Each structure stands twice: as C-alpha cells, then as structure tokens.
C-alpha cells in the first residue's frame, strides 16, 4: 500500500477538500461527478470505489502431503486467521481427514461442504457485521469467570461433572479466541497504517490471549483435581482471591476503568508476596503434592494474566 501526504483545502464555512491521486482515479475508471464510498473511523478515512466496498473472497489450496495431522490443523487455522473464506485441502490418509474435520469443528463458521475423497473443501461462512471483537472478548471473560467460580465448587465437593464441563467450556473459549483473532487481524490490515483503531486491536490481542490461557489453566486444574480424587476445600480461599482479581480485571477492561486496573495490579502484588507461604502451607511430601502444586501454579498464572489485562486498560486510557 502506497502512502501519500496531501494538503487539506477549505471550501466555504463548513467543508474541507482533499484531492484524489490522478493515477488512482484513472486506474479505477472514475471521472468528475462519480461517487466513492468513505468508511470513516476515529483516526482514518478509507475511500473505495462504489460497488467494491464488499470484502473480496479469499481462496487457497493446501497440499497436506508433507504434513502430519497436527501440522495440517495448524495450517488450516493460519489461513482462517488470515481471513480466507474458502480452503481446498488435498488429503492423503485418514489422519489428514480427521485433522480437517477437527479443524472445522474448532473454527467458528468453518464447514466442510464438499468431500471428493482426495480433496476436501472448507468454506468459512462469516458475517463480520454480526460479531464485534469487544462483544466476543466479553463472552470469553464471562466464560472464564464462570469456569473459575465452578472450579471452586468442584474443589469443595469433588464434583466430577463440573470438572468435565470445564473442558467443554475451555474448547468454547478456544473457538471464540480464533474468531476474534481473525477479526482483529482484519482490522489491522484494513487500517494500513498505525492509528487509534490499530492500537486498540493490538492491545485487544493481549486480552484475548490472556483469556484463552486462563481457560487452559482452569481445565488443567480440573485434571489435577481428578487425579487427587478428593475435595480440597482449603484451597478455595486462594481461588476466591484470584477470582476477585479476574472479575475486576474484566470489568476494568470493559469499562476502561484505570482505578479498577490499579486495584488489580495492587492485588496481584499482594498475592505474589504471599506465594511462599501458600506453597509452604499446602505442599507436603508425596504424589498428591505435585497435583496441588499444579493447581497453585495455575492460580498464580491466572492472577498474572489478570494483571496483564489491567495493564492493557492503563495503556488504552493514555490520551492520544
């Protein structure tokens, strides 16, 4: 994308004029009196030819011959994140076929619409107007908060059913994570140069990544609890402390509240100071201690990710 600097001219009392590059006008078959479409952002204006404002569909082919199943899944995800709408995957064995099916399951909007045996076609049916990145991030945060709250219940009562639901919800957070990354990547591409919208998109990526990792840690904690095989209610105080930080970080992000963000950062510092004492209180000799340590480690990582979200809020609230 070429960058040009052009002067703003005054036209009357209420209008300003910026000229369009002659070569761009001629290349697109425009002339004086024709109309163009203007998409107006906070710090940017995107001008396009009438009738070409719709996103062009992007298609690609993937040859899986030299890829194992996991590599093929990663390849499909990478094209999804890059904004592709149609993927034609050439497969060679059953592992490839399972990988394509799994990838379509974990990517929102992705559907297998044609299976020719040696080639599978995935279409991504996505109406971006229906999904706002901030709304998706809010859903991720709410799921993570509910997961951590339910994990405390599972700790108190050793509830196997709750532990199983935590894994299902972790997968849903993953799906939302890929969807919002696809959208944020599209925002950065459309802007073409650093502006306020691009800066927000980059900060949002940090929050999305934090929620995705938080869900992973909660699922891992449920695995550890299942291996211990009994309730550990005495850990619930620590869980509730971390849950308070996570809830506050989520609200501070949605409201862009720096006071709440500072509260989270202060709370994380205080929790960090108690770390040695908490490990000493719960860790004893034996195999059970390894699983308890995994739970405590994950809780501190969740607190750290909550602090990361709070730092994003402070970054977003700095005047431009």
C-alpha atoms as a PDB file:
ATOM      1  CA  UNK A   1       0.000   0.000   0.000  1.00  0.00           C
ATOM      2  CA  UNK A   2       1.483   3.327  -1.120  1.00  0.00           C
ATOM      3  CA  UNK A   3       1.417   6.282   1.272  1.00  0.00           C
ATOM      4  CA  UNK A   4       0.951   9.879   0.136  1.00  0.00           C
ATOM      5  CA  UNK A   5       0.699  13.154   2.051  1.00  0.00           C
ATOM      6  CA  UNK A   6      -1.927  15.558   0.697  1.00  0.00           C
ATOM      7  CA  UNK A   7      -2.957  19.019   1.750  1.00  0.00           C
ATOM      8  CA  UNK A   8      -6.409  19.898   3.131  1.00  0.00           C
ATOM      9  CA  UNK A   9      -8.142  22.851   1.486  1.00  0.00           C
ATOM     10  CA  UNK A  10     -11.004  24.896   2.868  1.00  0.00           C
ATOM     11  CA  UNK A  11     -14.254  25.086   0.880  1.00  0.00           C
ATOM     12  CA  UNK A  12     -16.724  27.533   2.329  1.00  0.00           C
ATOM     13  CA  UNK A  13     -17.519  27.703   6.020  1.00  0.00           C
ATOM     14  CA  UNK A  14     -18.326  24.055   6.712  1.00  0.00           C
ATOM     15  CA  UNK A  15     -16.393  21.873   4.252  1.00  0.00           C
ATOM     16  CA  UNK A  16     -12.839  20.763   3.531  1.00  0.00           C
ATOM     17  CA  UNK A  17     -11.416  19.247   0.361  1.00  0.00           C
ATOM     18  CA  UNK A  18      -8.659  16.641  -0.184  1.00  0.00           C
ATOM     19  CA  UNK A  19      -7.747  15.761  -3.779  1.00  0.00           C
ATOM     20  CA  UNK A  20      -7.536  12.156  -5.001  1.00  0.00           C
ATOM     21  CA  UNK A  21      -4.439  10.826  -6.814  1.00  0.00           C
ATOM     22  CA  UNK A  22      -4.949  11.096 -10.580  1.00  0.00           C
ATOM     23  CA  UNK A  23      -3.478   7.651 -11.316  1.00  0.00           C
ATOM     24  CA  UNK A  24      -5.844   6.010  -8.790  1.00  0.00           C
ATOM     25  CA  UNK A  25      -8.867   7.776 -10.307  1.00  0.00           C
ATOM     26  CA  UNK A  26      -7.900   6.749 -13.849  1.00  0.00           C
ATOM     27  CA  UNK A  27      -6.997   3.180 -12.866  1.00  0.00           C
ATOM     28  CA  UNK A  28     -10.463   2.680 -11.405  1.00  0.00           C
ATOM     29  CA  UNK A  29     -12.235   4.270 -14.386  1.00  0.00           C
ATOM     30  CA  UNK A  30     -13.557   7.215 -12.407  1.00  0.00           C
ATOM     31  CA  UNK A  31     -14.294  10.721 -13.618  1.00  0.00           C
ATOM     32  CA  UNK A  32     -15.522  14.011 -12.238  1.00  0.00           C
ATOM     33  CA  UNK A  33     -19.028  13.594 -10.804  1.00  0.00           C
ATOM     34  CA  UNK A  34     -18.654   9.880  -9.959  1.00  0.00           C
ATOM     35  CA  UNK A  35     -19.205   8.745  -6.380  1.00  0.00           C
ATOM     36  CA  UNK A  36     -16.873   6.960  -3.979  1.00  0.00           C
ATOM     37  CA  UNK A  37     -17.542   5.203  -0.665  1.00  0.00           C
ATOM     38  CA  UNK A  38     -15.942   6.619   2.506  1.00  0.00           C
ATOM     39  CA  UNK A  39     -15.579   4.491   5.651  1.00  0.00           C
ATOM     40  CA  UNK A  40     -14.888   6.919   8.487  1.00  0.00           C
ATOM     41  CA  UNK A  41     -13.002   5.714  11.578  1.00  0.00           C
ATOM     42  CA  UNK A  42     -11.701   7.510  14.650  1.00  0.00           C
ATOM     43  CA  UNK A  43      -8.390   8.441  13.054  1.00  0.00           C
ATOM     44  CA  UNK A  44      -8.729   7.205   9.475  1.00  0.00           C
ATOM     45  CA  UNK A  45     -10.873   7.524   6.349  1.00  0.00           C
ATOM     46  CA  UNK A  46     -10.883   4.658   3.817  1.00  0.00           C
ATOM     47  CA  UNK A  47     -12.027   5.581   0.295  1.00  0.00           C
ATOM     48  CA  UNK A  48     -13.166   2.872  -2.119  1.00  0.00           C
ATOM     49  CA  UNK A  49     -14.933   2.611  -5.462  1.00  0.00           C
ATOM     50  CA  UNK A  50     -18.727   2.290  -5.317  1.00  0.00           C
ATOM     51  CA  UNK A  51     -19.677  -1.378  -5.552  1.00  0.00           C
ATOM     52  CA  UNK A  52     -16.239  -2.563  -4.374  1.00  0.00           C
ATOM     53  CA  UNK A  53     -16.707  -1.943  -0.665  1.00  0.00           C
ATOM     54  CA  UNK A  54     -17.645  -5.596  -0.104  1.00  0.00           C
ATOM     55  CA  UNK A  55     -14.788  -7.793   1.017  1.00  0.00           C
ATOM     56  CA  UNK A  56     -13.361  -9.857  -1.819  1.00  0.00           C
ATOM     57  CA  UNK A  57     -13.484 -13.575  -1.076  1.00  0.00           C
ATOM     58  CA  UNK A  58     -10.105 -15.169  -0.492  1.00  0.00           C
ATOM     59  CA  UNK A  59      -9.459 -18.760  -1.545  1.00  0.00           C
ATOM     60  CA  UNK A  60      -6.448 -21.042  -1.119  1.00  0.00           C
ATOM     61  CA  UNK A  61      -5.315 -24.626  -1.682  1.00  0.00           C
ATOM     62  CA  UNK A  62      -3.414 -26.698   0.883  1.00  0.00           C
ATOM     63  CA  UNK A  63      -1.464 -29.817  -0.080  1.00  0.00           C
ATOM     64  CA  UNK A  64      -1.121 -31.982   3.054  1.00  0.00           C
ATOM     65  CA  UNK A  65       1.351 -34.483   1.558  1.00  0.00           C
ATOM     66  CA  UNK A  66       4.267 -33.439   3.803  1.00  0.00           C
ATOM     67  CA  UNK A  67       2.144 -32.589   6.862  1.00  0.00           C
ATOM     68  CA  UNK A  68       1.065 -34.720   9.808  1.00  0.00           C
ATOM     69  CA  UNK A  69      -2.347 -34.224  11.393  1.00  0.00           C
ATOM     70  CA  UNK A  70      -1.362 -31.537  13.909  1.00  0.00           C
ATOM     71  CA  UNK A  71       0.611 -29.592  11.305  1.00  0.00           C
ATOM     72  CA  UNK A  72      -2.376 -29.664   8.961  1.00  0.00           C
ATOM     73  CA  UNK A  73      -4.682 -28.347  11.699  1.00  0.00           C
ATOM     74  CA  UNK A  74      -2.240 -25.500  12.371  1.00  0.00           C
ATOM     75  CA  UNK A  75      -2.051 -24.740   8.637  1.00  0.00           C
ATOM     76  CA  UNK A  76      -5.852 -24.541   8.314  1.00  0.00           C
ATOM     77  CA  UNK A  77      -6.065 -22.313  11.405  1.00  0.00           C
ATOM     78  CA  UNK A  78      -3.408 -19.977   9.987  1.00  0.00           C
ATOM     79  CA  UNK A  79      -5.450 -19.481   6.795  1.00  0.00           C
ATOM     80  CA  UNK A  80      -8.577 -18.910   8.885  1.00  0.00           C
ATOM     81  CA  UNK A  81      -6.825 -16.230  10.944  1.00  0.00           C
ATOM     82  CA  UNK A  82      -5.530 -14.612   7.743  1.00  0.00           C
ATOM     83  CA  UNK A  83      -9.119 -14.047   6.623  1.00  0.00           C
ATOM     84  CA  UNK A  84      -9.515 -16.761   3.975  1.00  0.00           C
ATOM     85  CA  UNK A  85     -13.077 -17.757   3.086  1.00  0.00           C
ATOM     86  CA  UNK A  86     -12.521 -20.976   1.124  1.00  0.00           C
ATOM     87  CA  UNK A  87      -9.903 -23.711   1.553  1.00  0.00           C
ATOM     88  CA  UNK A  88      -9.369 -26.687  -0.764  1.00  0.00           C
ATOM     89  CA  UNK A  89      -7.355 -29.309   1.148  1.00  0.00           C
ATOM     90  CA  UNK A  90      -5.656 -32.200  -0.668  1.00  0.00           C
ATOM     91  CA  UNK A  91      -5.510 -35.166   1.734  1.00  0.00           C
ATOM     92  CA  UNK A  92      -3.608 -38.446   1.549  1.00  0.00           C
ATOM     93  CA  UNK A  93      -4.664 -40.558   4.537  1.00  0.00           C
ATOM     94  CA  UNK A  94      -7.153 -40.963   7.351  1.00  0.00           C
ATOM     95  CA  UNK A  95      -5.068 -38.803   9.703  1.00  0.00           C
ATOM     96  CA  UNK A  96      -5.419 -35.896   7.267  1.00  0.00           C
ATOM     97  CA  UNK A  97      -9.175 -36.412   7.032  1.00  0.00           C
ATOM     98  CA  UNK A  98      -9.548 -36.398  10.820  1.00  0.00           C
ATOM     99  CA  UNK A  99      -7.428 -33.247  11.005  1.00  0.00           C
ATOM    100  CA  UNK A 100      -9.651 -31.420   8.506  1.00  0.00           C
ATOM    101  CA  UNK A 101     -12.769 -32.492  10.424  1.00  0.00           C
ATOM    102  CA  UNK A 102     -11.274 -31.367  13.738  1.00  0.00           C
ATOM    103  CA  UNK A 103     -10.167 -28.016  12.325  1.00  0.00           C
ATOM    104  CA  UNK A 104     -13.665 -27.338  11.006  1.00  0.00           C
ATOM    105  CA  UNK A 105     -15.086 -28.183  14.447  1.00  0.00           C
ATOM    106  CA  UNK A 106     -12.856 -25.748  16.332  1.00  0.00           C
ATOM    107  CA  UNK A 107     -13.231 -22.802  13.930  1.00  0.00           C
ATOM    108  CA  UNK A 108     -16.477 -20.843  14.157  1.00  0.00           C
ATOM    109  CA  UNK A 109     -18.122 -20.510  10.753  1.00  0.00           C
ATOM    110  CA  UNK A 110     -15.997 -23.221   9.091  1.00  0.00           C
ATOM    111  CA  UNK A 111     -17.931 -26.025   7.378  1.00  0.00           C
ATOM    112  CA  UNK A 112     -16.933 -28.940   5.155  1.00  0.00           C
ATOM    113  CA  UNK A 113     -19.141 -28.506   2.068  1.00  0.00           C
ATOM    114  CA  UNK A 114     -17.508 -30.957  -0.344  1.00  0.00           C
ATOM    115  CA  UNK A 115     -15.601 -34.207   0.136  1.00  0.00           C
ATOM    116  CA  UNK A 116     -14.182 -35.677  -3.053  1.00  0.00           C
ATOM    117  CA  UNK A 117     -12.132 -38.372  -1.341  1.00  0.00           C
ATOM    118  CA  UNK A 118      -8.707 -36.952  -2.103  1.00  0.00           C
ATOM    119  CA  UNK A 119      -9.797 -33.347  -1.695  1.00  0.00           C
ATOM    120  CA  UNK A 120     -11.929 -31.650   0.941  1.00  0.00           C
ATOM    121  CA  UNK A 121     -13.376 -28.160   0.603  1.00  0.00           C
ATOM    122  CA  UNK A 122     -13.892 -25.965   3.675  1.00  0.00           C
ATOM    123  CA  UNK A 123     -15.990 -22.821   3.416  1.00  0.00           C
ATOM    124  CA  UNK A 124     -15.944 -20.138   6.117  1.00  0.00           C
ATOM    125  CA  UNK A 125     -19.415 -18.645   6.393  1.00  0.00           C
ATOM    126  CA  UNK A 126     -18.778 -15.475   8.350  1.00  0.00           C
ATOM    127  CA  UNK A 127     -20.871 -12.317   8.604  1.00  0.00           C
ATOM    128  CA  UNK A 128     -18.408  -9.968  10.280  1.00  0.00           C
ATOM    129  CA  UNK A 129     -21.147  -7.383  10.822  1.00  0.00           C
ATOM    130  CA  UNK A 130     -22.762  -9.735  13.348  1.00  0.00           C
ATOM    131  CA  UNK A 131     -19.673 -10.021  15.547  1.00  0.00           C
ATOM    132  CA  UNK A 132     -17.930  -7.157  17.324  1.00  0.00           C
ATOM    133  CA  UNK A 133     -14.500  -8.044  18.759  1.00  0.00           C
ATOM    134  CA  UNK A 134     -15.369  -6.383  22.068  1.00  0.00           C
ATOM    135  CA  UNK A 135     -18.560  -8.449  22.388  1.00  0.00           C
ATOM    136  CA  UNK A 136     -16.625 -11.663  21.735  1.00  0.00           C
ATOM    137  CA  UNK A 137     -13.962 -10.738  24.290  1.00  0.00           C
ATOM    138  CA  UNK A 138     -16.711 -10.020  26.826  1.00  0.00           C
ATOM    139  CA  UNK A 139     -18.131 -13.511  26.237  1.00  0.00           C
ATOM    140  CA  UNK A 140     -14.664 -15.034  26.742  1.00  0.00           C
ATOM    141  CA  UNK A 141     -14.243 -13.174  30.010  1.00  0.00           C
ATOM    142  CA  UNK A 142     -17.651 -14.228  31.300  1.00  0.00           C
ATOM    143  CA  UNK A 143     -16.963 -17.884  30.469  1.00  0.00           C
ATOM    144  CA  UNK A 144     -13.583 -17.791  32.239  1.00  0.00           C
ATOM    145  CA  UNK A 145     -15.103 -16.198  35.352  1.00  0.00           C
ATOM    146  CA  UNK A 146     -17.853 -18.826  35.474  1.00  0.00           C
ATOM    147  CA  UNK A 147     -15.283 -21.603  34.962  1.00  0.00           C
ATOM    148  CA  UNK A 148     -13.097 -20.433  37.851  1.00  0.00           C
ATOM    149  CA  UNK A 149     -16.115 -19.996  40.131  1.00  0.00           C
ATOM    150  CA  UNK A 150     -17.318 -23.507  39.297  1.00  0.00           C
ATOM    151  CA  UNK A 151     -13.839 -24.912  39.848  1.00  0.00           C
ATOM    152  CA  UNK A 152     -14.046 -23.661  43.435  1.00  0.00           C
ATOM    153  CA  UNK A 153     -17.287 -25.624  43.804  1.00  0.00           C
ATOM    154  CA  UNK A 154     -15.567 -28.690  42.363  1.00  0.00           C
ATOM    155  CA  UNK A 155     -12.707 -28.248  44.865  1.00  0.00           C
ATOM    156  CA  UNK A 156     -15.122 -28.045  47.748  1.00  0.00           C
ATOM    157  CA  UNK A 157     -17.280 -31.025  46.780  1.00  0.00           C
ATOM    158  CA  UNK A 158     -15.048 -33.012  44.385  1.00  0.00           C
ATOM    159  CA  UNK A 159     -17.656 -32.725  41.644  1.00  0.00           C
ATOM    160  CA  UNK A 160     -16.612 -34.832  38.640  1.00  0.00           C
ATOM    161  CA  UNK A 161     -19.417 -33.461  36.471  1.00  0.00           C
ATOM    162  CA  UNK A 162     -18.218 -29.882  36.900  1.00  0.00           C
ATOM    163  CA  UNK A 163     -14.676 -30.956  36.021  1.00  0.00           C
ATOM    164  CA  UNK A 164     -15.925 -32.457  32.769  1.00  0.00           C
ATOM    165  CA  UNK A 165     -17.850 -29.279  31.856  1.00  0.00           C
ATOM    166  CA  UNK A 166     -14.722 -27.177  32.366  1.00  0.00           C
ATOM    167  CA  UNK A 167     -13.057 -28.937  29.437  1.00  0.00           C
ATOM    168  CA  UNK A 168     -16.071 -28.327  27.197  1.00  0.00           C
ATOM    169  CA  UNK A 169     -16.062 -24.627  28.079  1.00  0.00           C
ATOM    170  CA  UNK A 170     -12.311 -24.375  27.541  1.00  0.00           C
ATOM    171  CA  UNK A 171     -12.876 -25.571  23.983  1.00  0.00           C
ATOM    172  CA  UNK A 172     -15.542 -22.907  23.500  1.00  0.00           C
ATOM    173  CA  UNK A 173     -13.110 -20.211  24.665  1.00  0.00           C
ATOM    174  CA  UNK A 174     -10.621 -21.551  22.105  1.00  0.00           C
ATOM    175  CA  UNK A 175     -13.225 -21.187  19.342  1.00  0.00           C
ATOM    176  CA  UNK A 176     -14.001 -17.603  20.348  1.00  0.00           C
ATOM    177  CA  UNK A 177     -10.253 -16.909  20.608  1.00  0.00           C
ATOM    178  CA  UNK A 178      -9.675 -17.902  16.968  1.00  0.00           C
ATOM    179  CA  UNK A 179     -12.709 -15.919  15.810  1.00  0.00           C
ATOM    180  CA  UNK A 180     -11.697 -12.664  17.463  1.00  0.00           C
ATOM    181  CA  UNK A 181      -8.066 -13.015  16.301  1.00  0.00           C
ATOM    182  CA  UNK A 182      -9.373 -13.342  12.727  1.00  0.00           C
ATOM    183  CA  UNK A 183     -11.364 -10.135  13.173  1.00  0.00           C
ATOM    184  CA  UNK A 184      -8.564  -8.177  14.834  1.00  0.00           C
ATOM    185  CA  UNK A 185      -6.149  -9.181  12.090  1.00  0.00           C
ATOM    186  CA  UNK A 186      -8.646  -7.881   9.545  1.00  0.00           C
ATOM    187  CA  UNK A 187      -8.892  -4.545  11.384  1.00  0.00           C
ATOM    188  CA  UNK A 188      -5.115  -4.061  11.288  1.00  0.00           C
ATOM    189  CA  UNK A 189      -4.967  -4.924   7.570  1.00  0.00           C
ATOM    190  CA  UNK A 190      -7.781  -2.523   6.672  1.00  0.00           C
ATOM    191  CA  UNK A 191      -6.210   0.389   8.522  1.00  0.00           C
ATOM    192  CA  UNK A 192      -2.936   0.003   6.635  1.00  0.00           C
ATOM    193  CA  UNK A 193      -1.085   2.360   8.988  1.00  0.00           C
ATOM    194  CA  UNK A 194      -0.868   2.906  12.749  1.00  0.00           C
ATOM    195  CA  UNK A 195      -3.927   4.702  14.126  1.00  0.00           C
ATOM    196  CA  UNK A 196      -6.106   4.513  17.216  1.00  0.00           C
ATOM    197  CA  UNK A 197      -8.134   1.578  15.867  1.00  0.00           C
ATOM    198  CA  UNK A 198      -4.982  -0.405  15.069  1.00  0.00           C
ATOM    199  CA  UNK A 199      -3.535   0.301  18.513  1.00  0.00           C
ATOM    200  CA  UNK A 200      -6.721  -0.963  20.163  1.00  0.00           C
ATOM    201  CA  UNK A 201      -6.679  -4.094  18.030  1.00  0.00           C
ATOM    202  CA  UNK A 202      -3.124  -4.886  19.122  1.00  0.00           C
ATOM    203  CA  UNK A 203      -3.987  -4.333  22.801  1.00  0.00           C
ATOM    204  CA  UNK A 204      -7.116  -6.463  22.437  1.00  0.00           C
ATOM    205  CA  UNK A 205      -4.944  -9.341  21.212  1.00  0.00           C
ATOM    206  CA  UNK A 206      -3.205  -9.337  24.612  1.00  0.00           C
ATOM    207  CA  UNK A 207      -6.554  -9.616  26.403  1.00  0.00           C
ATOM    208  CA  UNK A 208      -7.796 -12.366  24.070  1.00  0.00           C
ATOM    209  CA  UNK A 209      -4.607 -14.340  24.619  1.00  0.00           C
ATOM    210  CA  UNK A 210      -4.930 -13.879  28.393  1.00  0.00           C
ATOM    211  CA  UNK A 211      -8.477 -15.276  28.489  1.00  0.00           C
ATOM    212  CA  UNK A 212      -7.511 -18.193  26.246  1.00  0.00           C
ATOM    213  CA  UNK A 213      -4.625 -19.109  28.567  1.00  0.00           C
ATOM    214  CA  UNK A 214      -6.799 -18.642  31.674  1.00  0.00           C
ATOM    215  CA  UNK A 215      -9.311 -21.172  30.319  1.00  0.00           C
ATOM    216  CA  UNK A 216      -6.445 -23.591  29.602  1.00  0.00           C
ATOM    217  CA  UNK A 217      -5.174 -23.299  33.184  1.00  0.00           C
ATOM    218  CA  UNK A 218      -8.647 -23.920  34.640  1.00  0.00           C
ATOM    219  CA  UNK A 219      -9.025 -27.059  32.514  1.00  0.00           C
ATOM    220  CA  UNK A 220      -5.574 -28.221  33.675  1.00  0.00           C
ATOM    221  CA  UNK A 221      -6.550 -27.607  37.295  1.00  0.00           C
ATOM    222  CA  UNK A 222      -9.629 -29.781  36.854  1.00  0.00           C
ATOM    223  CA  UNK A 223      -7.369 -32.579  35.552  1.00  0.00           C
ATOM    224  CA  UNK A 224      -5.170 -32.268  38.636  1.00  0.00           C
ATOM    225  CA  UNK A 225      -8.182 -32.361  40.942  1.00  0.00           C
ATOM    226  CA  UNK A 226      -9.433 -35.541  39.261  1.00  0.00           C
ATOM    227  CA  UNK A 227      -6.013 -37.140  39.827  1.00  0.00           C
ATOM    228  CA  UNK A 228      -6.095 -36.183  43.509  1.00  0.00           C
ATOM    229  CA  UNK A 229      -9.516 -37.789  43.761  1.00  0.00           C
ATOM    230  CA  UNK A 230     -10.882 -35.911  46.753  1.00  0.00           C
ATOM    231  CA  UNK A 231     -12.118 -32.426  47.742  1.00  0.00           C
ATOM    232  CA  UNK A 232      -9.602 -29.754  48.814  1.00  0.00           C
ATOM    233  CA  UNK A 233     -11.862 -27.023  50.256  1.00  0.00           C
ATOM    234  CA  UNK A 234      -8.961 -25.283  51.980  1.00  0.00           C
ATOM    235  CA  UNK A 235      -7.747 -24.099  48.552  1.00  0.00           C
ATOM    236  CA  UNK A 236     -10.980 -22.196  47.914  1.00  0.00           C
ATOM    237  CA  UNK A 237      -9.769 -19.055  49.713  1.00  0.00           C
ATOM    238  CA  UNK A 238      -6.925 -18.743  47.198  1.00  0.00           C
ATOM    239  CA  UNK A 239      -9.301 -19.456  44.312  1.00  0.00           C
ATOM    240  CA  UNK A 240     -11.668 -16.734  45.515  1.00  0.00           C
ATOM    241  CA  UNK A 241      -8.817 -14.214  45.810  1.00  0.00           C
ATOM    242  CA  UNK A 242      -7.785 -14.946  42.230  1.00  0.00           C
ATOM    243  CA  UNK A 243     -11.428 -14.898  41.089  1.00  0.00           C
ATOM    244  CA  UNK A 244     -11.839 -11.393  42.544  1.00  0.00           C
ATOM    245  CA  UNK A 245      -8.816 -10.212  40.561  1.00  0.00           C
ATOM    246  CA  UNK A 246     -10.155 -11.800  37.370  1.00  0.00           C
ATOM    247  CA  UNK A 247     -13.625 -10.289  37.782  1.00  0.00           C
ATOM    248  CA  UNK A 248     -12.195  -6.848  38.481  1.00  0.00           C
ATOM    249  CA  UNK A 249      -9.791  -7.056  35.542  1.00  0.00           C
ATOM    250  CA  UNK A 250     -12.685  -7.992  33.266  1.00  0.00           C
ATOM    251  CA  UNK A 251     -14.835  -5.073  34.421  1.00  0.00           C
ATOM    252  CA  UNK A 252     -11.902  -2.646  34.210  1.00  0.00           C
ATOM    253  CA  UNK A 253     -11.351  -3.685  30.585  1.00  0.00           C
ATOM    254  CA  UNK A 254     -14.992  -3.427  29.542  1.00  0.00           C
ATOM    255  CA  UNK A 255     -15.368  -0.018  31.210  1.00  0.00           C
ATOM    256  CA  UNK A 256     -11.780   1.158  30.554  1.00  0.00           C
ATOM    257  CA  UNK A 257     -11.542   1.975  34.275  1.00  0.00           C
ATOM    258  CA  UNK A 258      -7.951   2.686  35.348  1.00  0.00           C
ATOM    259  CA  UNK A 259      -8.831   2.773  39.058  1.00  0.00           C
ATOM    260  CA  UNK A 260     -10.046  -0.811  38.890  1.00  0.00           C
ATOM    261  CA  UNK A 261      -6.971  -1.709  36.842  1.00  0.00           C
ATOM    262  CA  UNK A 262      -4.726  -0.279  39.577  1.00  0.00           C
ATOM    263  CA  UNK A 263      -6.694  -2.288  42.142  1.00  0.00           C
ATOM    264  CA  UNK A 264      -5.951  -5.483  40.191  1.00  0.00           C
ATOM    265  CA  UNK A 265      -2.240  -4.691  39.930  1.00  0.00           C
ATOM    266  CA  UNK A 266      -2.037  -3.895  43.653  1.00  0.00           C
ATOM    267  CA  UNK A 267      -3.957  -7.080  44.479  1.00  0.00           C
ATOM    268  CA  UNK A 268      -1.642  -9.170  42.308  1.00  0.00           C
ATOM    269  CA  UNK A 269       1.381  -7.684  44.088  1.00  0.00           C
ATOM    270  CA  UNK A 270      -0.083  -8.562  47.485  1.00  0.00           C
ATOM    271  CA  UNK A 271      -0.930 -12.086  46.355  1.00  0.00           C
ATOM    272  CA  UNK A 272       2.576 -12.518  44.989  1.00  0.00           C
ATOM    273  CA  UNK A 273       4.035 -11.586  48.388  1.00  0.00           C
ATOM    274  CA  UNK A 274       2.101 -14.478  49.994  1.00  0.00           C
ATOM    275  CA  UNK A 275       3.292 -17.000  47.409  1.00  0.00           C
ATOM    276  CA  UNK A 276       5.963 -18.731  49.501  1.00  0.00           C
ATOM    277  CA  UNK A 277       3.623 -19.058  52.456  1.00  0.00           C
ATOM    278  CA  UNK A 278       0.862 -20.594  50.367  1.00  0.00           C
ATOM    279  CA  UNK A 279       3.180 -23.176  48.834  1.00  0.00           C
ATOM    280  CA  UNK A 280       4.534 -23.998  52.280  1.00  0.00           C
ATOM    281  CA  UNK A 281       1.052 -24.414  53.703  1.00  0.00           C
ATOM    282  CA  UNK A 282      -0.214 -26.879  51.123  1.00  0.00           C
ATOM    283  CA  UNK A 283       2.795 -28.747  49.811  1.00  0.00           C
ATOM    284  CA  UNK A 284       3.937 -31.876  51.618  1.00  0.00           C
ATOM    285  CA  UNK A 285       5.762 -34.958  50.525  1.00  0.00           C
ATOM    286  CA  UNK A 286       4.015 -37.369  48.208  1.00  0.00           C
ATOM    287  CA  UNK A 287       2.442 -37.599  44.784  1.00  0.00           C
ATOM    288  CA  UNK A 288      -0.615 -35.605  45.819  1.00  0.00           C
ATOM    289  CA  UNK A 289       1.583 -32.553  46.401  1.00  0.00           C
ATOM    290  CA  UNK A 290       2.600 -32.487  42.737  1.00  0.00           C
ATOM    291  CA  UNK A 291      -1.017 -32.090  41.667  1.00  0.00           C
ATOM    292  CA  UNK A 292      -1.715 -29.487  44.344  1.00  0.00           C
ATOM    293  CA  UNK A 293       1.352 -27.561  43.174  1.00  0.00           C
ATOM    294  CA  UNK A 294      -0.010 -27.645  39.618  1.00  0.00           C
ATOM    295  CA  UNK A 295      -3.270 -26.110  40.839  1.00  0.00           C
ATOM    296  CA  UNK A 296      -1.486 -23.381  42.825  1.00  0.00           C
ATOM    297  CA  UNK A 297       0.865 -22.644  39.917  1.00  0.00           C
ATOM    298  CA  UNK A 298      -2.117 -22.242  37.600  1.00  0.00           C
ATOM    299  CA  UNK A 299      -3.932 -19.961  40.036  1.00  0.00           C
ATOM    300  CA  UNK A 300      -0.913 -17.665  40.154  1.00  0.00           C
ATOM    301  CA  UNK A 301      -0.708 -17.692  36.368  1.00  0.00           C
ATOM    302  CA  UNK A 302      -4.396 -16.694  36.195  1.00  0.00           C
ATOM    303  CA  UNK A 303      -3.667 -13.842  38.613  1.00  0.00           C
ATOM    304  CA  UNK A 304      -0.747 -12.792  36.401  1.00  0.00           C
ATOM    305  CA  UNK A 305      -2.936 -12.813  33.277  1.00  0.00           C
ATOM    306  CA  UNK A 306      -5.487 -10.691  35.163  1.00  0.00           C
ATOM    307  CA  UNK A 307      -2.683  -8.220  35.830  1.00  0.00           C
ATOM    308  CA  UNK A 308      -1.806  -8.267  32.117  1.00  0.00           C
ATOM    309  CA  UNK A 309      -5.404  -7.286  31.301  1.00  0.00           C
ATOM    310  CA  UNK A 310      -5.200  -4.454  33.834  1.00  0.00           C
ATOM    311  CA  UNK A 311      -2.033  -3.167  32.179  1.00  0.00           C
ATOM    312  CA  UNK A 312      -3.834  -3.151  28.819  1.00  0.00           C
ATOM    313  CA  UNK A 313      -6.566  -0.980  30.345  1.00  0.00           C
ATOM    314  CA  UNK A 314      -3.996   1.557  31.539  1.00  0.00           C
ATOM    315  CA  UNK A 315      -2.362   1.545  28.088  1.00  0.00           C
ATOM    316  CA  UNK A 316      -5.708   2.090  26.350  1.00  0.00           C
ATOM    317  CA  UNK A 317      -6.597   5.023  28.608  1.00  0.00           C
ATOM    318  CA  UNK A 318      -3.444   7.038  27.858  1.00  0.00           C
ATOM    319  CA  UNK A 319      -4.508  10.164  25.887  1.00  0.00           C
ATOM    320  CA  UNK A 320      -3.503  10.042  22.211  1.00  0.00           C
END
